[in-house]
Amino acid sequence: MVNDVPEQMSNVEIMRNLEIDVHVETSSEGALRTLSDHTYNVVVSDMERYGIQDDGINLLNQMRKQEIYVPIIFTVGRFNPYLGTPPFAFGITNKVDECLNLVFDTLERTRG
């Protein structure tokens, strides 16, 4: 999970209680280092970090450049369904339950 304000990520404890291994990074740079060193089934990233509104998209683009092909789910403060899901992202939401559903769907697909 990537979020500059980790205490906003209420779904972390839920996932850990379900025995899902969760690693938290606060920056795109940290996430890219971690993704280069470890294998993960899914990335959950907020869209805006440190005042940069599209930092999540920047992370996704860097992942693709580095050939890190892990499904990414974005969390946003305000979801505008008319904008749709960003290209190459698995999903986008502003709701904890929807985020968890997207994570479970991704895990089901990647773990088999």
PDB file of N, CA and C in Angstrom:
ATOM      1  N   MET A   1       0.840  -1.166   0.000  1.00  0.00           N
ATOM      2  CA  MET A   1       0.000   0.000   0.000  1.00  0.00           C
ATOM      3  C   MET A   1       0.888   1.233   0.000  1.00  0.00           C
ATOM      4  N   VAL A   2       0.461   2.218  -0.767  1.00  0.00           N
ATOM      5  CA  VAL A   2       1.225   3.450  -0.869  1.00  0.00           C
ATOM      6  C   VAL A   2       0.309   4.608  -0.489  1.00  0.00           C
ATOM      7  N   ASN A   3       0.684   5.315   0.575  1.00  0.00           N
ATOM      8  CA  ASN A   3      -0.111   6.454   1.028  1.00  0.00           C
ATOM      9  C   ASN A   3       0.778   7.326   1.883  1.00  0.00           C
ATOM     10  N   ASP A   4       0.789   8.628   1.609  1.00  0.00           N
ATOM     11  CA  ASP A   4       1.621   9.543   2.387  1.00  0.00           C
ATOM     12  C   ASP A   4       1.070   9.783   3.787  1.00  0.00           C
ATOM     13  N   VAL A   5      -0.169   9.370   4.032  1.00  0.00           N
ATOM     14  CA  VAL A   5      -0.786   9.473   5.361  1.00  0.00           C
ATOM     15  C   VAL A   5      -1.305   8.071   5.726  1.00  0.00           C
ATOM     16  N   PRO A   6      -0.416   7.191   6.199  1.00  0.00           N
ATOM     17  CA  PRO A   6      -0.799   5.796   6.438  1.00  0.00           C
ATOM     18  C   PRO A   6      -1.974   5.613   7.392  1.00  0.00           C
ATOM     19  N   GLU A   7      -2.163   6.529   8.321  1.00  0.00           N
ATOM     20  CA  GLU A   7      -3.272   6.378   9.260  1.00  0.00           C
ATOM     21  C   GLU A   7      -4.635   6.503   8.583  1.00  0.00           C
ATOM     22  N   GLN A   8      -4.680   6.967   7.347  1.00  0.00           N
ATOM     23  CA  GLN A   8      -5.931   7.023   6.590  1.00  0.00           C
ATOM     24  C   GLN A   8      -6.325   5.658   6.027  1.00  0.00           C
ATOM     25  N   MET A   9      -5.426   4.712   6.086  1.00  0.00           N
ATOM     26  CA  MET A   9      -5.649   3.419   5.440  1.00  0.00           C
ATOM     27  C   MET A   9      -6.287   2.439   6.418  1.00  0.00           C
ATOM     28  N   SER A  10      -7.568   2.600   6.651  1.00  0.00           N
ATOM     29  CA  SER A  10      -8.278   1.755   7.609  1.00  0.00           C
ATOM     30  C   SER A  10      -8.367   0.298   7.153  1.00  0.00           C
ATOM     31  N   ASN A  11      -8.197   0.053   5.878  1.00  0.00           N
ATOM     32  CA  ASN A  11      -8.305  -1.320   5.378  1.00  0.00           C
ATOM     33  C   ASN A  11      -7.054  -2.153   5.646  1.00  0.00           C
ATOM     34  N   VAL A  12      -5.958  -1.530   6.092  1.00  0.00           N
ATOM     35  CA  VAL A  12      -4.733  -2.275   6.372  1.00  0.00           C
ATOM     36  C   VAL A  12      -4.964  -3.298   7.483  1.00  0.00           C
ATOM     37  N   GLU A  13      -5.547  -2.868   8.575  1.00  0.00           N
ATOM     38  CA  GLU A  13      -5.784  -3.790   9.690  1.00  0.00           C
ATOM     39  C   GLU A  13      -6.760  -4.897   9.312  1.00  0.00           C
ATOM     40  N   ILE A  14      -7.754  -4.559   8.519  1.00  0.00           N
ATOM     41  CA  ILE A  14      -8.694  -5.583   8.068  1.00  0.00           C
ATOM     42  C   ILE A  14      -7.952  -6.654   7.278  1.00  0.00           C
ATOM     43  N   MET A  15      -7.091  -6.241   6.365  1.00  0.00           N
ATOM     44  CA  MET A  15      -6.343  -7.207   5.553  1.00  0.00           C
ATOM     45  C   MET A  15      -5.376  -8.020   6.403  1.00  0.00           C
ATOM     46  N   ARG A  16      -4.705  -7.360   7.341  1.00  0.00           N
ATOM     47  CA  ARG A  16      -3.784  -8.098   8.216  1.00  0.00           C
ATOM     48  C   ARG A  16      -4.542  -9.116   9.069  1.00  0.00           C
ATOM     49  N   ASN A  17      -5.741  -8.760   9.536  1.00  0.00           N
ATOM     50  CA  ASN A  17      -6.554  -9.704  10.306  1.00  0.00           C
ATOM     51  C   ASN A  17      -6.965 -10.912   9.462  1.00  0.00           C
ATOM     52  N   LEU A  18      -7.022 -10.727   8.152  1.00  0.00           N
ATOM     53  CA  LEU A  18      -7.339 -11.821   7.235  1.00  0.00           C
ATOM     54  C   LEU A  18      -6.082 -12.543   6.752  1.00  0.00           C
ATOM     55  N   GLU A  19      -4.952 -12.241   7.405  1.00  0.00           N
ATOM     56  CA  GLU A  19      -3.656 -12.849   7.119  1.00  0.00           C
ATOM     57  C   GLU A  19      -3.138 -12.540   5.716  1.00  0.00           C
ATOM     58  N   ILE A  20      -3.462 -11.345   5.242  1.00  0.00           N
ATOM     59  CA  ILE A  20      -2.903 -10.845   3.984  1.00  0.00           C
ATOM     60  C   ILE A  20      -1.667 -10.040   4.344  1.00  0.00           C
ATOM     61  N   ASP A  21      -0.539 -10.381   3.734  1.00  0.00           N
ATOM     62  CA  ASP A  21       0.712  -9.676   3.992  1.00  0.00           C
ATOM     63  C   ASP A  21       0.627  -8.277   3.392  1.00  0.00           C
ATOM     64  N   VAL A  22       0.750  -7.264   4.239  1.00  0.00           N
ATOM     65  CA  VAL A  22       0.628  -5.875   3.795  1.00  0.00           C
ATOM     66  C   VAL A  22       1.914  -5.135   4.131  1.00  0.00           C
ATOM     67  N   HIS A  23       2.451  -4.446   3.142  1.00  0.00           N
ATOM     68  CA  HIS A  23       3.618  -3.593   3.339  1.00  0.00           C
ATOM     69  C   HIS A  23       3.191  -2.171   2.995  1.00  0.00           C
ATOM     70  N   VAL A  24       3.531  -1.216   3.840  1.00  0.00           N
ATOM     71  CA  VAL A  24       3.118   0.167   3.630  1.00  0.00           C
ATOM     72  C   VAL A  24       4.327   1.028   3.264  1.00  0.00           C
ATOM     73  N   GLU A  25       4.188   1.797   2.208  1.00  0.00           N
ATOM     74  CA  GLU A  25       5.178   2.794   1.796  1.00  0.00           C
ATOM     75  C   GLU A  25       4.483   4.150   1.751  1.00  0.00           C
ATOM     76  N   THR A  26       5.221   5.213   1.985  1.00  0.00           N
ATOM     77  CA  THR A  26       4.623   6.548   1.986  1.00  0.00           C
ATOM     78  C   THR A  26       4.960   7.360   0.733  1.00  0.00           C
ATOM     79  N   SER A  27       5.761   6.801  -0.159  1.00  0.00           N
ATOM     80  CA  SER A  27       6.126   7.533  -1.373  1.00  0.00           C
ATOM     81  C   SER A  27       6.211   6.583  -2.561  1.00  0.00           C
ATOM     82  N   SER A  28       6.112   7.145  -3.741  1.00  0.00           N
ATOM     83  CA  SER A  28       6.260   6.343  -4.959  1.00  0.00           C
ATOM     84  C   SER A  28       7.664   5.758  -5.051  1.00  0.00           C
ATOM     85  N   GLU A  29       8.659   6.537  -4.660  1.00  0.00           N
ATOM     86  CA  GLU A  29      10.043   6.066  -4.723  1.00  0.00           C
ATOM     87  C   GLU A  29      10.239   4.850  -3.825  1.00  0.00           C
ATOM     88  N   GLY A  30       9.705   4.930  -2.601  1.00  0.00           N
ATOM     89  CA  GLY A  30       9.796   3.801  -1.684  1.00  0.00           C
ATOM     90  C   GLY A  30       9.056   2.593  -2.217  1.00  0.00           C
ATOM     91  N   ALA A  31       7.894   2.825  -2.796  1.00  0.00           N
ATOM     92  CA  ALA A  31       7.108   1.723  -3.361  1.00  0.00           C
ATOM     93  C   ALA A  31       7.869   1.050  -4.498  1.00  0.00           C
ATOM     94  N   LEU A  32       8.490   1.830  -5.363  1.00  0.00           N
ATOM     95  CA  LEU A  32       9.234   1.253  -6.486  1.00  0.00           C
ATOM     96  C   LEU A  32      10.418   0.422  -5.997  1.00  0.00           C
ATOM     97  N   ARG A  33      11.119   0.908  -4.964  1.00  0.00           N
ATOM     98  CA  ARG A  33      12.233   0.119  -4.401  1.00  0.00           C
ATOM     99  C   ARG A  33      11.718  -1.200  -3.842  1.00  0.00           C
ATOM    100  N   THR A  34      10.622  -1.130  -3.084  1.00  0.00           N
ATOM    101  CA  THR A  34      10.053  -2.339  -2.486  1.00  0.00           C
ATOM    102  C   THR A  34       9.566  -3.305  -3.560  1.00  0.00           C
ATOM    103  N   LEU A  35       8.899  -2.774  -4.584  1.00  0.00           N
ATOM    104  CA  LEU A  35       8.400  -3.630  -5.665  1.00  0.00           C
ATOM    105  C   LEU A  35       9.538  -4.260  -6.458  1.00  0.00           C
ATOM    106  N   SER A  36      10.688  -3.595  -6.519  1.00  0.00           N
ATOM    107  CA  SER A  36      11.853  -4.157  -7.213  1.00  0.00           C
ATOM    108  C   SER A  36      12.477  -5.302  -6.424  1.00  0.00           C
ATOM    109  N   ASP A  37      12.339  -5.237  -5.087  1.00  0.00           N
ATOM    110  CA  ASP A  37      12.987  -6.218  -4.220  1.00  0.00           C
ATOM    111  C   ASP A  37      12.092  -7.377  -3.800  1.00  0.00           C
ATOM    112  N   HIS A  38      10.764  -7.206  -3.892  1.00  0.00           N
ATOM    113  CA  HIS A  38       9.828  -8.213  -3.399  1.00  0.00           C
ATOM    114  C   HIS A  38       8.729  -8.459  -4.428  1.00  0.00           C
ATOM    115  N   THR A  39       8.067  -9.584  -4.295  1.00  0.00           N
ATOM    116  CA  THR A  39       6.946  -9.912  -5.171  1.00  0.00           C
ATOM    117  C   THR A  39       5.649  -9.687  -4.417  1.00  0.00           C
ATOM    118  N   TYR A  40       4.745  -8.951  -5.017  1.00  0.00           N
ATOM    119  CA  TYR A  40       3.434  -8.684  -4.444  1.00  0.00           C
ATOM    120  C   TYR A  40       2.358  -9.013  -5.469  1.00  0.00           C
ATOM    121  N   ASN A  41       1.158  -9.322  -4.981  1.00  0.00           N
ATOM    122  CA  ASN A  41       0.048  -9.650  -5.871  1.00  0.00           C
ATOM    123  C   ASN A  41      -0.769  -8.442  -6.276  1.00  0.00           C
ATOM    124  N   VAL A  42      -0.707  -7.365  -5.486  1.00  0.00           N
ATOM    125  CA  VAL A  42      -1.505  -6.180  -5.765  1.00  0.00           C
ATOM    126  C   VAL A  42      -0.880  -4.976  -5.055  1.00  0.00           C
ATOM    127  N   VAL A  43      -1.077  -3.808  -5.661  1.00  0.00           N
ATOM    128  CA  VAL A  43      -0.667  -2.540  -5.054  1.00  0.00           C
ATOM    129  C   VAL A  43      -1.916  -1.693  -4.877  1.00  0.00           C
ATOM    130  N   VAL A  44      -2.098  -1.155  -3.675  1.00  0.00           N
ATOM    131  CA  VAL A  44      -3.168  -0.191  -3.416  1.00  0.00           C
ATOM    132  C   VAL A  44      -2.475   1.140  -3.181  1.00  0.00           C
ATOM    133  N   SER A  45      -2.831   2.129  -3.974  1.00  0.00           N
ATOM    134  CA  SER A  45      -2.156   3.425  -3.912  1.00  0.00           C
ATOM    135  C   SER A  45      -3.168   4.554  -3.888  1.00  0.00           C
ATOM    136  N   ASP A  46      -2.902   5.542  -3.027  1.00  0.00           N
ATOM    137  CA  ASP A  46      -3.716   6.739  -3.131  1.00  0.00           C
ATOM    138  C   ASP A  46      -3.293   7.484  -4.383  1.00  0.00           C
ATOM    139  N   MET A  47      -4.161   8.307  -4.890  1.00  0.00           N
ATOM    140  CA  MET A  47      -3.880   9.016  -6.140  1.00  0.00           C
ATOM    141  C   MET A  47      -3.012  10.248  -5.882  1.00  0.00           C
ATOM    142  N   GLU A  48      -3.283  10.956  -4.786  1.00  0.00           N
ATOM    143  CA  GLU A  48      -2.557  12.193  -4.482  1.00  0.00           C
ATOM    144  C   GLU A  48      -1.641  11.972  -3.287  1.00  0.00           C
ATOM    145  N   ARG A  49      -0.369  12.347  -3.456  1.00  0.00           N
ATOM    146  CA  ARG A  49       0.590  12.277  -2.360  1.00  0.00           C
ATOM    147  C   ARG A  49       1.415  13.545  -2.322  1.00  0.00           C
ATOM    148  N   TYR A  50       1.587  14.056  -1.123  1.00  0.00           N
ATOM    149  CA  TYR A  50       2.426  15.237  -0.897  1.00  0.00           C
ATOM    150  C   TYR A  50       2.053  16.394  -1.823  1.00  0.00           C
ATOM    151  N   GLY A  51       0.762  16.572  -2.045  1.00  0.00           N
ATOM    152  CA  GLY A  51       0.273  17.684  -2.854  1.00  0.00           C
ATOM    153  C   GLY A  51       0.345  17.470  -4.350  1.00  0.00           C
ATOM    154  N   ILE A  52       0.860  16.334  -4.782  1.00  0.00           N
ATOM    155  CA  ILE A  52       0.935  16.029  -6.221  1.00  0.00           C
ATOM    156  C   ILE A  52      -0.314  15.223  -6.566  1.00  0.00           C
ATOM    157  N   GLN A  53      -1.235  15.842  -7.307  1.00  0.00           N
ATOM    158  CA  GLN A  53      -2.549  15.248  -7.551  1.00  0.00           C
ATOM    159  C   GLN A  53      -2.512  13.950  -8.327  1.00  0.00           C
ATOM    160  N   ASP A  54      -1.528  13.756  -9.179  1.00  0.00           N
ATOM    161  CA  ASP A  54      -1.482  12.547 -10.002  1.00  0.00           C
ATOM    162  C   ASP A  54      -0.277  11.670  -9.672  1.00  0.00           C
ATOM    163  N   ASP A  55       0.162  11.701  -8.425  1.00  0.00           N
ATOM    164  CA  ASP A  55       1.335  10.905  -8.063  1.00  0.00           C
ATOM    165  C   ASP A  55       1.074   9.408  -8.218  1.00  0.00           C
ATOM    166  N   GLY A  56      -0.168   8.995  -8.012  1.00  0.00           N
ATOM    167  CA  GLY A  56      -0.508   7.588  -8.239  1.00  0.00           C
ATOM    168  C   GLY A  56      -0.304   7.189  -9.692  1.00  0.00           C
ATOM    169  N   ILE A  57      -0.706   8.063 -10.599  1.00  0.00           N
ATOM    170  CA  ILE A  57      -0.496   7.803 -12.033  1.00  0.00           C
ATOM    171  C   ILE A  57       0.994   7.771 -12.340  1.00  0.00           C
ATOM    172  N   ASN A  58       1.747   8.671 -11.722  1.00  0.00           N
ATOM    173  CA  ASN A  58       3.203   8.661 -11.914  1.00  0.00           C
ATOM    174  C   ASN A  58       3.798   7.328 -11.456  1.00  0.00           C
ATOM    175  N   LEU A  59       3.314   6.808 -10.317  1.00  0.00           N
ATOM    176  CA  LEU A  59       3.775   5.503  -9.842  1.00  0.00           C
ATOM    177  C   LEU A  59       3.441   4.417 -10.860  1.00  0.00           C
ATOM    178  N   LEU A  60       2.223   4.407 -11.346  1.00  0.00           N
ATOM    179  CA  LEU A  60       1.813   3.411 -12.345  1.00  0.00           C
ATOM    180  C   LEU A  60       2.707   3.489 -13.582  1.00  0.00           C
ATOM    181  N   ASN A  61       2.969   4.689 -14.063  1.00  0.00           N
ATOM    182  CA  ASN A  61       3.824   4.849 -15.244  1.00  0.00           C
ATOM    183  C   ASN A  61       5.247   4.355 -14.980  1.00  0.00           C
ATOM    184  N   GLN A  62       5.776   4.644 -13.796  1.00  0.00           N
ATOM    185  CA  GLN A  62       7.125   4.180 -13.443  1.00  0.00           C
ATOM    186  C   GLN A  62       7.159   2.651 -13.322  1.00  0.00           C
ATOM    187  N   MET A  63       6.102   2.085 -12.759  1.00  0.00           N
ATOM    188  CA  MET A  63       6.034   0.620 -12.675  1.00  0.00           C
ATOM    189  C   MET A  63       6.093   0.010 -14.065  1.00  0.00           C
ATOM    190  N   ARG A  64       5.344   0.568 -15.009  1.00  0.00           N
ATOM    191  CA  ARG A  64       5.337   0.035 -16.370  1.00  0.00           C
ATOM    192  C   ARG A  64       6.702   0.203 -17.031  1.00  0.00           C
ATOM    193  N   LYS A  65       7.354   1.361 -16.815  1.00  0.00           N
ATOM    194  CA  LYS A  65       8.693   1.583 -17.384  1.00  0.00           C
ATOM    195  C   LYS A  65       9.699   0.583 -16.853  1.00  0.00           C
ATOM    196  N   GLN A  66       9.548   0.227 -15.572  1.00  0.00           N
ATOM    197  CA  GLN A  66      10.469  -0.726 -14.953  1.00  0.00           C
ATOM    198  C   GLN A  66       9.999  -2.172 -15.116  1.00  0.00           C
ATOM    199  N   GLU A  67       8.947  -2.353 -15.913  1.00  0.00           N
ATOM    200  CA  GLU A  67       8.378  -3.673 -16.193  1.00  0.00           C
ATOM    201  C   GLU A  67       7.964  -4.401 -14.914  1.00  0.00           C
ATOM    202  N   ILE A  68       7.340  -3.645 -14.004  1.00  0.00           N
ATOM    203  CA  ILE A  68       6.745  -4.212 -12.797  1.00  0.00           C
ATOM    204  C   ILE A  68       5.258  -4.296 -13.074  1.00  0.00           C
ATOM    205  N   TYR A  69       4.801  -5.486 -13.410  1.00  0.00           N
ATOM    206  CA  TYR A  69       3.407  -5.673 -13.818  1.00  0.00           C
ATOM    207  C   TYR A  69       2.592  -6.287 -12.679  1.00  0.00           C
ATOM    208  N   VAL A  70       2.254  -5.437 -11.736  1.00  0.00           N
ATOM    209  CA  VAL A  70       1.428  -5.817 -10.595  1.00  0.00           C
ATOM    210  C   VAL A  70       0.131  -5.019 -10.702  1.00  0.00           C
ATOM    211  N   PRO A  71      -1.022  -5.653 -10.548  1.00  0.00           N
ATOM    212  CA  PRO A  71      -2.275  -4.892 -10.599  1.00  0.00           C
ATOM    213  C   PRO A  71      -2.269  -3.776  -9.553  1.00  0.00           C
ATOM    214  N   ILE A  72      -2.756  -2.607  -9.942  1.00  0.00           N
ATOM    215  CA  ILE A  72      -2.784  -1.463  -9.028  1.00  0.00           C
ATOM    216  C   ILE A  72      -4.219  -0.969  -8.884  1.00  0.00           C
ATOM    217  N   ILE A  73      -4.593  -0.708  -7.647  1.00  0.00           N
ATOM    218  CA  ILE A  73      -5.908  -0.169  -7.311  1.00  0.00           C
ATOM    219  C   ILE A  73      -5.686   1.201  -6.699  1.00  0.00           C
ATOM    220  N   PHE A  74      -6.396   2.189  -7.204  1.00  0.00           N
ATOM    221  CA  PHE A  74      -6.253   3.545  -6.683  1.00  0.00           C
ATOM    222  C   PHE A  74      -7.362   3.886  -5.712  1.00  0.00           C
ATOM    223  N   THR A  75      -6.993   4.612  -4.659  1.00  0.00           N
ATOM    224  CA  THR A  75      -7.970   5.183  -3.749  1.00  0.00           C
ATOM    225  C   THR A  75      -7.924   6.697  -3.915  1.00  0.00           C
ATOM    226  N   VAL A  76      -9.089   7.303  -3.887  1.00  0.00           N
ATOM    227  CA  VAL A  76      -9.197   8.745  -4.082  1.00  0.00           C
ATOM    228  C   VAL A  76     -10.133   9.334  -3.028  1.00  0.00           C
ATOM    229  N   GLY A  77      -9.961  10.624  -2.767  1.00  0.00           N
ATOM    230  CA  GLY A  77     -10.857  11.304  -1.835  1.00  0.00           C
ATOM    231  C   GLY A  77     -12.238  11.487  -2.425  1.00  0.00           C
ATOM    232  N   ARG A  78     -12.268  11.911  -3.666  1.00  0.00           N
ATOM    233  CA  ARG A  78     -13.540  12.105  -4.373  1.00  0.00           C
ATOM    234  C   ARG A  78     -13.484  11.314  -5.672  1.00  0.00           C
ATOM    235  N   PHE A  79     -14.405  10.387  -5.793  1.00  0.00           N
ATOM    236  CA  PHE A  79     -14.449   9.549  -6.980  1.00  0.00           C
ATOM    237  C   PHE A  79     -15.425  10.137  -7.983  1.00  0.00           C
ATOM    238  N   ASN A  80     -14.966  10.306  -9.209  1.00  0.00           N
ATOM    239  CA  ASN A  80     -15.812  10.790 -10.289  1.00  0.00           C
ATOM    240  C   ASN A  80     -15.952   9.651 -11.302  1.00  0.00           C
ATOM    241  N   PRO A  81     -17.085   8.945 -11.281  1.00  0.00           N
ATOM    242  CA  PRO A  81     -17.233   7.790 -12.175  1.00  0.00           C
ATOM    243  C   PRO A  81     -17.148   8.146 -13.655  1.00  0.00           C
ATOM    244  N   TYR A  82     -17.377   9.395 -13.988  1.00  0.00           N
ATOM    245  CA  TYR A  82     -17.310   9.808 -15.395  1.00  0.00           C
ATOM    246  C   TYR A  82     -15.879   9.819 -15.924  1.00  0.00           C
ATOM    247  N   LEU A  83     -14.905   9.881 -15.025  1.00  0.00           N
ATOM    248  CA  LEU A  83     -13.504   9.838 -15.451  1.00  0.00           C
ATOM    249  C   LEU A  83     -13.037   8.416 -15.718  1.00  0.00           C
ATOM    250  N   GLY A  84     -13.749   7.446 -15.152  1.00  0.00           N
ATOM    251  CA  GLY A  84     -13.400   6.044 -15.365  1.00  0.00           C
ATOM    252  C   GLY A  84     -12.135   5.640 -14.631  1.00  0.00           C
ATOM    253  N   THR A  85     -11.735   4.406 -14.869  1.00  0.00           N
ATOM    254  CA  THR A  85     -10.515   3.859 -14.278  1.00  0.00           C
ATOM    255  C   THR A  85      -9.335   4.249 -15.152  1.00  0.00           C
ATOM    256  N   PRO A  86      -8.247   4.715 -14.551  1.00  0.00           N
ATOM    257  CA  PRO A  86      -7.072   5.068 -15.359  1.00  0.00           C
ATOM    258  C   PRO A  86      -6.577   3.878 -16.175  1.00  0.00           C
ATOM    259  N   PRO A  87      -6.070   4.130 -17.369  1.00  0.00           N
ATOM    260  CA  PRO A  87      -5.538   3.035 -18.191  1.00  0.00           C
ATOM    261  C   PRO A  87      -4.492   2.228 -17.432  1.00  0.00           C
ATOM    262  N   PHE A  88      -4.556   0.932 -17.558  1.00  0.00           N
ATOM    263  CA  PHE A  88      -3.645  -0.044 -16.960  1.00  0.00           C
ATOM    264  C   PHE A  88      -3.838  -0.219 -15.456  1.00  0.00           C
ATOM    265  N   ALA A  89      -4.823   0.438 -14.862  1.00  0.00           N
ATOM    266  CA  ALA A  89      -5.133   0.231 -13.450  1.00  0.00           C
ATOM    267  C   ALA A  89      -6.219  -0.831 -13.333  1.00  0.00           C
ATOM    268  N   PHE A  90      -6.214  -1.568 -12.219  1.00  0.00           N
ATOM    269  CA  PHE A  90      -7.228  -2.591 -12.002  1.00  0.00           C
ATOM    270  C   PHE A  90      -8.543  -1.973 -11.546  1.00  0.00           C
ATOM    271  N   GLY A  91      -8.461  -0.878 -10.798  1.00  0.00           N
ATOM    272  CA  GLY A  91      -9.673  -0.237 -10.316  1.00  0.00           C
ATOM    273  C   GLY A  91      -9.373   1.061  -9.591  1.00  0.00           C
ATOM    274  N   ILE A  92     -10.444   1.778  -9.246  1.00  0.00           N
ATOM    275  CA  ILE A  92     -10.328   3.037  -8.514  1.00  0.00           C
ATOM    276  C   ILE A  92     -11.588   3.206  -7.671  1.00  0.00           C
ATOM    277  N   THR A  93     -11.419   3.684  -6.449  1.00  0.00           N
ATOM    278  CA  THR A  93     -12.561   3.836  -5.557  1.00  0.00           C
ATOM    279  C   THR A  93     -12.250   4.837  -4.446  1.00  0.00           C
ATOM    280  N   ASN A  94     -13.300   5.281  -3.790  1.00  0.00           N
ATOM    281  CA  ASN A  94     -13.144   6.113  -2.599  1.00  0.00           C
ATOM    282  C   ASN A  94     -13.794   5.451  -1.385  1.00  0.00           C
ATOM    283  N   LYS A  95     -14.152   4.188  -1.514  1.00  0.00           N
ATOM    284  CA  LYS A  95     -14.840   3.477  -0.438  1.00  0.00           C
ATOM    285  C   LYS A  95     -14.007   2.289   0.038  1.00  0.00           C
ATOM    286  N   VAL A  96     -13.930   2.125   1.357  1.00  0.00           N
ATOM    287  CA  VAL A  96     -13.142   1.045   1.944  1.00  0.00           C
ATOM    288  C   VAL A  96     -13.654  -0.319   1.495  1.00  0.00           C
ATOM    289  N   ASP A  97     -14.966  -0.519   1.532  1.00  0.00           N
ATOM    290  CA  ASP A  97     -15.507  -1.833   1.157  1.00  0.00           C
ATOM    291  C   ASP A  97     -15.243  -2.155  -0.308  1.00  0.00           C
ATOM    292  N   GLU A  98     -15.361  -1.175  -1.184  1.00  0.00           N
ATOM    293  CA  GLU A  98     -15.068  -1.409  -2.608  1.00  0.00           C
ATOM    294  C   GLU A  98     -13.588  -1.705  -2.810  1.00  0.00           C
ATOM    295  N   CYS A  99     -12.738  -1.014  -2.078  1.00  0.00           N
ATOM    296  CA  CYS A  99     -11.302  -1.271  -2.174  1.00  0.00           C
ATOM    297  C   CYS A  99     -11.007  -2.708  -1.773  1.00  0.00           C
ATOM    298  N   LEU A 100     -11.596  -3.149  -0.662  1.00  0.00           N
ATOM    299  CA  LEU A 100     -11.391  -4.528  -0.219  1.00  0.00           C
ATOM    300  C   LEU A 100     -11.904  -5.526  -1.253  1.00  0.00           C
ATOM    301  N   ASN A 101     -13.050  -5.253  -1.846  1.00  0.00           N
ATOM    302  CA  ASN A 101     -13.575  -6.140  -2.895  1.00  0.00           C
ATOM    303  C   ASN A 101     -12.624  -6.206  -4.086  1.00  0.00           C
ATOM    304  N   LEU A 102     -12.065  -5.068  -4.473  1.00  0.00           N
ATOM    305  CA  LEU A 102     -11.103  -5.059  -5.575  1.00  0.00           C
ATOM    306  C   LEU A 102      -9.846  -5.835  -5.208  1.00  0.00           C
ATOM    307  N   VAL A 103      -9.377  -5.681  -3.966  1.00  0.00           N
ATOM    308  CA  VAL A 103      -8.200  -6.435  -3.511  1.00  0.00           C
ATOM    309  C   VAL A 103      -8.491  -7.927  -3.550  1.00  0.00           C
ATOM    310  N   PHE A 104      -9.639  -8.338  -3.008  1.00  0.00           N
ATOM    311  CA  PHE A 104      -9.980  -9.766  -2.999  1.00  0.00           C
ATOM    312  C   PHE A 104     -10.102 -10.312  -4.418  1.00  0.00           C
ATOM    313  N   ASP A 105     -10.698  -9.529  -5.311  1.00  0.00           N
ATOM    314  CA  ASP A 105     -10.827  -9.942  -6.707  1.00  0.00           C
ATOM    315  C   ASP A 105      -9.441 -10.114  -7.327  1.00  0.00           C
ATOM    316  N   THR A 106      -8.555  -9.180  -7.075  1.00  0.00           N
ATOM    317  CA  THR A 106      -7.201  -9.258  -7.613  1.00  0.00           C
ATOM    318  C   THR A 106      -6.469 -10.470  -7.054  1.00  0.00           C
ATOM    319  N   LEU A 107      -6.568 -10.685  -5.739  1.00  0.00           N
ATOM    320  CA  LEU A 107      -5.891 -11.830  -5.131  1.00  0.00           C
ATOM    321  C   LEU A 107      -6.415 -13.146  -5.690  1.00  0.00           C
ATOM    322  N   GLU A 108      -7.706 -13.220  -5.889  1.00  0.00           N
ATOM    323  CA  GLU A 108      -8.296 -14.427  -6.463  1.00  0.00           C
ATOM    324  C   GLU A 108      -7.722 -14.697  -7.857  1.00  0.00           C
ATOM    325  N   ARG A 109      -7.557 -13.643  -8.633  1.00  0.00           N
ATOM    326  CA  ARG A 109      -7.047 -13.796 -10.004  1.00  0.00           C
ATOM    327  C   ARG A 109      -5.555 -14.118 -10.023  1.00  0.00           C
ATOM    328  N   THR A 110      -4.783 -13.471  -9.127  1.00  0.00           N
ATOM    329  CA  THR A 110      -3.323 -13.655  -9.173  1.00  0.00           C
ATOM    330  C   THR A 110      -2.873 -14.903  -8.441  1.00  0.00           C
ATOM    331  N   ARG A 111      -3.622 -15.294  -7.418  1.00  0.00           N
ATOM    332  CA  ARG A 111      -3.232 -16.490  -6.647  1.00  0.00           C
ATOM    333  C   ARG A 111      -3.844 -17.762  -7.220  1.00  0.00           C
ATOM    334  N   GLY A 112      -4.918 -17.593  -7.985  1.00  0.00           N
ATOM    335  CA  GLY A 112      -5.551 -18.748  -8.611  1.00  0.00           C
ATOM    336  C   GLY A 112      -6.496 -19.503  -7.731  1.00  0.00           C
TER     337      GLY A 112
END
